[in-house]
N, C-alpha and C. Protein backbone atom coordinates (compact mmCIF):
# COMPACT_ATOMS: atom_id res chain seq x y z
N MET A 1 94.54 80.15 85.89
CA MET A 1 95.70 78.61 85.82
C MET A 1 96.65 79.28 84.79
N LYS A 2 96.33 80.06 83.77
CA LYS A 2 96.60 79.79 82.99
C LYS A 2 98.00 80.62 83.01
N ALA A 3 98.29 82.04 84.08
CA ALA A 3 99.38 83.16 84.41
C ALA A 3 100.44 81.51 85.22
N SER A 4 99.24 81.19 85.90
CA SER A 4 100.84 79.98 86.65
C SER A 4 101.43 79.28 85.34
N LYS A 5 101.11 78.68 84.29
CA LYS A 5 101.54 78.10 83.37
C LYS A 5 102.48 79.02 82.60
N ILE A 6 102.42 80.16 82.20
CA ILE A 6 103.40 81.20 81.44
C ILE A 6 104.39 81.06 82.22
N THR A 7 104.15 81.11 83.70
CA THR A 7 105.07 81.80 84.84
C THR A 7 106.06 80.89 84.91
N TYR A 8 105.48 79.27 84.82
CA TYR A 8 106.56 78.11 85.04
C TYR A 8 107.33 78.00 83.69
N LYS A 9 107.18 78.47 82.61
CA LYS A 9 107.56 77.77 81.79
C LYS A 9 109.33 78.52 81.52
N PRO A 10 109.81 79.67 81.91
CA PRO A 10 110.72 79.53 82.06
C PRO A 10 111.22 79.28 83.08
N VAL A 11 110.58 79.38 84.13
CA VAL A 11 111.60 78.68 85.15
C VAL A 11 111.15 77.26 85.32
N GLY A 12 110.56 76.62 84.49
CA GLY A 12 111.04 75.02 84.59
C GLY A 12 111.87 74.89 83.86
N MET A 13 112.73 75.63 82.17
CA MET A 13 113.48 75.18 81.45
C MET A 13 114.82 75.79 82.18
N ALA A 14 115.06 77.08 83.17
CA ALA A 14 116.31 77.27 83.96
C ALA A 14 116.00 75.73 85.27
N LEU A 15 115.18 75.87 85.51
CA LEU A 15 115.52 74.62 86.37
C LEU A 15 116.16 73.40 86.13
N GLY A 16 115.71 73.29 84.49
CA GLY A 16 116.02 71.66 83.84
C GLY A 16 117.26 71.94 83.46
N MET A 17 117.72 73.22 83.47
CA MET A 17 119.33 73.23 83.37
C MET A 17 120.34 73.35 84.26
N VAL A 18 119.53 73.88 85.58
CA VAL A 18 120.37 73.20 86.59
C VAL A 18 120.27 72.03 87.41
N GLY A 19 118.96 71.38 87.08
CA GLY A 19 118.68 70.15 87.63
C GLY A 19 119.86 69.14 86.83
N GLY A 20 120.03 69.17 85.37
CA GLY A 20 120.74 68.56 84.35
C GLY A 20 122.44 68.34 85.21
N LEU A 21 122.95 69.78 85.53
CA LEU A 21 124.29 70.01 86.06
C LEU A 21 124.27 69.34 87.14
N ALA A 22 123.82 69.50 87.99
CA ALA A 22 123.10 68.87 89.73
C ALA A 22 122.88 67.35 89.31
N ALA A 23 122.71 66.88 88.86
CA ALA A 23 121.81 65.14 88.26
C ALA A 23 123.56 64.88 87.86
N THR A 24 124.64 65.42 86.89
CA THR A 24 125.51 65.44 86.19
C THR A 24 126.95 64.66 87.40
N ALA A 25 126.74 66.15 87.64
CA ALA A 25 127.44 66.23 89.18
C ALA A 25 127.03 64.74 90.46
N LEU A 26 126.43 64.82 90.33
CA LEU A 26 125.49 63.86 91.51
C LEU A 26 125.83 61.85 91.06
N PHE A 27 125.65 62.01 89.91
CA PHE A 27 126.08 60.80 89.24
C PHE A 27 127.72 60.58 89.59
N LYS A 28 128.66 61.31 88.74
CA LYS A 28 129.91 61.06 89.44
C LYS A 28 130.54 60.85 90.48
N GLN A 29 130.17 61.63 91.21
CA GLN A 29 130.29 61.63 92.83
C GLN A 29 129.89 60.14 93.14
N THR A 30 128.70 59.41 92.95
CA THR A 30 127.70 58.39 93.48
C THR A 30 129.14 57.40 92.57
N TRP A 31 129.31 57.35 91.25
CA TRP A 31 129.82 56.72 90.87
C TRP A 31 131.28 56.01 91.55
N LYS A 32 131.93 57.49 91.82
CA LYS A 32 133.18 57.64 92.59
C LYS A 32 133.55 56.28 93.97
N VAL A 33 131.84 57.05 94.88
CA VAL A 33 131.76 56.35 96.15
C VAL A 33 131.65 54.64 96.08
N LEU A 34 131.16 54.14 94.87
CA LEU A 34 131.09 52.94 94.68
C LEU A 34 132.01 52.04 94.37
N GLY A 35 132.95 53.16 94.21
CA GLY A 35 134.49 52.39 94.06
C GLY A 35 135.02 52.10 92.45
N HIS A 36 134.23 52.82 91.88
CA HIS A 36 134.58 52.27 90.28
C HIS A 36 135.64 53.99 89.74
N ASP A 37 135.97 53.26 88.18
CA ASP A 37 137.21 54.44 87.88
C ASP A 37 136.28 55.86 88.10
N GLU A 38 137.12 57.10 87.66
CA GLU A 38 136.65 58.08 87.74
C GLU A 38 135.80 58.60 86.61
N ASP A 39 135.72 57.98 85.75
CA ASP A 39 134.62 58.18 84.98
C ASP A 39 133.51 57.08 84.43
N ALA A 40 132.38 57.26 84.07
CA ALA A 40 131.47 55.52 83.97
C ALA A 40 132.04 55.52 82.33
N PRO A 41 131.46 54.05 82.73
CA PRO A 41 131.93 53.53 80.95
C PRO A 41 130.93 54.35 80.18
N ASP A 42 131.30 54.11 78.50
CA ASP A 42 130.27 54.64 77.51
C ASP A 42 129.98 53.01 76.84
N ALA A 43 128.77 53.26 76.66
CA ALA A 43 128.39 51.69 75.97
C ALA A 43 129.43 51.40 74.66
N THR A 44 130.01 52.33 74.16
CA THR A 44 130.78 51.46 73.12
C THR A 44 132.24 51.37 73.77
N ASP A 45 132.17 51.42 75.27
CA ASP A 45 133.90 51.23 75.73
C ASP A 45 134.14 49.81 75.54
N GLU A 46 135.30 49.43 74.59
CA GLU A 46 135.67 48.06 74.54
C GLU A 46 136.02 47.07 75.64
N TYR A 47 136.39 47.80 76.44
CA TYR A 47 137.35 47.45 78.01
C TYR A 47 136.66 47.01 78.94
N ARG A 48 135.23 47.91 79.13
CA ARG A 48 134.38 47.23 79.74
C ARG A 48 133.21 46.44 79.89
N SER A 49 132.87 45.82 80.71
CA SER A 49 131.84 44.41 80.96
C SER A 49 130.77 45.04 80.34
N TRP A 50 129.95 43.89 80.00
CA TRP A 50 128.56 44.32 79.61
C TRP A 50 127.78 45.03 81.33
N ARG A 51 128.10 43.64 82.47
CA ARG A 51 127.99 44.38 83.42
C ARG A 51 127.98 45.90 83.99
N GLU A 52 129.29 45.92 84.05
CA GLU A 52 129.53 47.44 84.51
C GLU A 52 128.98 48.68 83.49
N VAL A 53 129.12 48.22 81.85
CA VAL A 53 128.27 49.14 80.95
C VAL A 53 126.74 49.63 81.36
N LEU A 54 125.56 48.21 81.66
CA LEU A 54 124.80 48.05 82.21
C LEU A 54 124.17 48.83 83.34
N PHE A 55 125.26 48.57 84.33
CA PHE A 55 124.94 49.44 86.22
C PHE A 55 125.42 50.89 85.61
N ALA A 56 126.40 50.97 84.64
CA ALA A 56 126.40 52.50 84.86
C ALA A 56 125.42 53.26 84.40
N ALA A 57 124.48 52.77 83.32
CA ALA A 57 123.45 53.06 82.53
C ALA A 57 121.99 53.21 83.77
N ALA A 58 122.00 52.12 84.05
CA ALA A 58 121.01 51.85 84.78
C ALA A 58 121.37 53.04 86.14
N LEU A 59 122.02 53.12 86.95
CA LEU A 59 122.29 53.99 88.07
C LEU A 59 121.84 54.95 87.57
N GLN A 60 122.62 55.79 86.08
CA GLN A 60 123.00 57.31 85.32
C GLN A 60 121.01 57.76 85.18
N GLY A 61 120.31 57.02 85.16
CA GLY A 61 119.22 56.81 84.29
C GLY A 61 118.39 57.21 85.78
N ALA A 62 118.28 56.19 87.30
CA ALA A 62 118.06 56.47 88.45
C ALA A 62 118.36 57.51 88.75
N VAL A 63 119.48 57.92 88.84
CA VAL A 63 120.18 59.67 88.94
C VAL A 63 119.24 60.29 88.76
N PHE A 64 119.37 60.79 87.77
CA PHE A 64 118.82 61.73 86.44
C PHE A 64 117.25 61.71 86.64
N GLY A 65 116.53 60.66 86.71
CA GLY A 65 115.16 60.59 87.26
C GLY A 65 114.82 60.87 88.65
N LEU A 66 115.32 60.91 89.64
CA LEU A 66 115.11 61.42 90.83
C LEU A 66 115.30 62.94 90.95
N VAL A 67 116.31 63.70 90.37
CA VAL A 67 116.70 64.84 89.98
C VAL A 67 115.74 65.28 89.39
N LYS A 68 115.70 64.85 88.14
CA LYS A 68 114.39 66.05 87.59
C LYS A 68 112.95 65.73 88.17
N ALA A 69 112.72 64.73 88.74
CA ALA A 69 111.38 64.84 89.84
C ALA A 69 111.36 65.87 91.01
N ALA A 70 112.50 65.79 91.24
CA ALA A 70 112.56 66.96 92.78
C ALA A 70 112.86 68.39 91.85
N VAL A 71 113.08 68.77 91.25
CA VAL A 71 113.70 69.74 90.67
C VAL A 71 112.21 69.97 89.83
N ASP A 72 111.06 69.05 89.07
CA ASP A 72 110.09 69.48 88.75
C ASP A 72 109.28 70.01 89.56
N ARG A 73 109.18 69.42 90.74
CA ARG A 73 108.26 69.72 91.87
C ARG A 73 108.77 70.58 92.47
N ALA A 74 110.05 70.96 92.68
CA ALA A 74 110.14 71.93 93.60
C ALA A 74 109.87 73.62 92.98
N GLY A 75 109.73 73.46 91.49
CA GLY A 75 109.65 74.18 90.30
C GLY A 75 107.58 74.66 90.20
N ALA A 76 107.30 73.62 90.45
CA ALA A 76 105.73 73.85 90.22
C ALA A 76 105.61 74.45 92.40
N THR A 77 106.08 73.44 93.14
CA THR A 77 105.34 74.33 94.20
C THR A 77 106.08 75.76 94.27
N GLY A 78 106.67 76.56 93.76
CA GLY A 78 107.69 77.96 94.13
C GLY A 78 106.40 78.60 92.94
N VAL A 79 105.89 78.02 91.66
CA VAL A 79 104.95 78.61 91.15
C VAL A 79 103.82 78.79 91.78
N ARG A 80 103.35 77.60 92.70
CA ARG A 80 101.97 78.24 93.26
C ARG A 80 102.29 78.83 93.94
N GLY A 81 103.48 78.73 94.62
CA GLY A 81 103.60 80.27 95.33
C GLY A 81 103.65 81.53 95.21
N LEU A 82 104.03 81.48 94.33
CA LEU A 82 104.07 82.51 93.15
C LEU A 82 102.72 83.28 92.85
N THR A 83 101.95 82.21 92.27
CA THR A 83 100.71 82.53 91.58
C THR A 83 99.37 82.49 92.22
N GLY A 84 99.59 81.37 93.24
CA GLY A 84 98.53 80.77 94.24
C GLY A 84 97.96 79.66 93.41
N THR A 85 98.12 78.86 92.13
CA THR A 85 97.83 77.91 91.39
C THR A 85 98.79 77.10 90.87
N TRP A 86 98.24 75.69 91.21
CA TRP A 86 99.29 74.85 90.48
C TRP A 86 99.49 75.04 88.64
N PRO A 87 100.29 74.56 88.31
CA PRO A 87 101.23 75.15 86.87
C PRO A 87 100.72 74.00 85.99
N GLY A 88 99.85 72.60 86.69
CA GLY A 88 99.86 71.36 85.92
C GLY A 88 98.44 71.26 84.62
């Protein structure tokens, strides 16, 4: 069990970075497909409505949460395949 945890640390870190990049790209594409501007609004953008800012934040959180869960699960499954034990 200890070997799988040690193996998972660097794998998890690398997958986390790749997952962050993938989540950013997925969110940007989703934002465009929904018919909004090129860039999502920042919370301090005074020219955007509350509705748009909060919708963008909720969508971004959902996309990042989904990608993080998928990447973490895939990494753990891969480590189990290599070591024979689950890294949890």
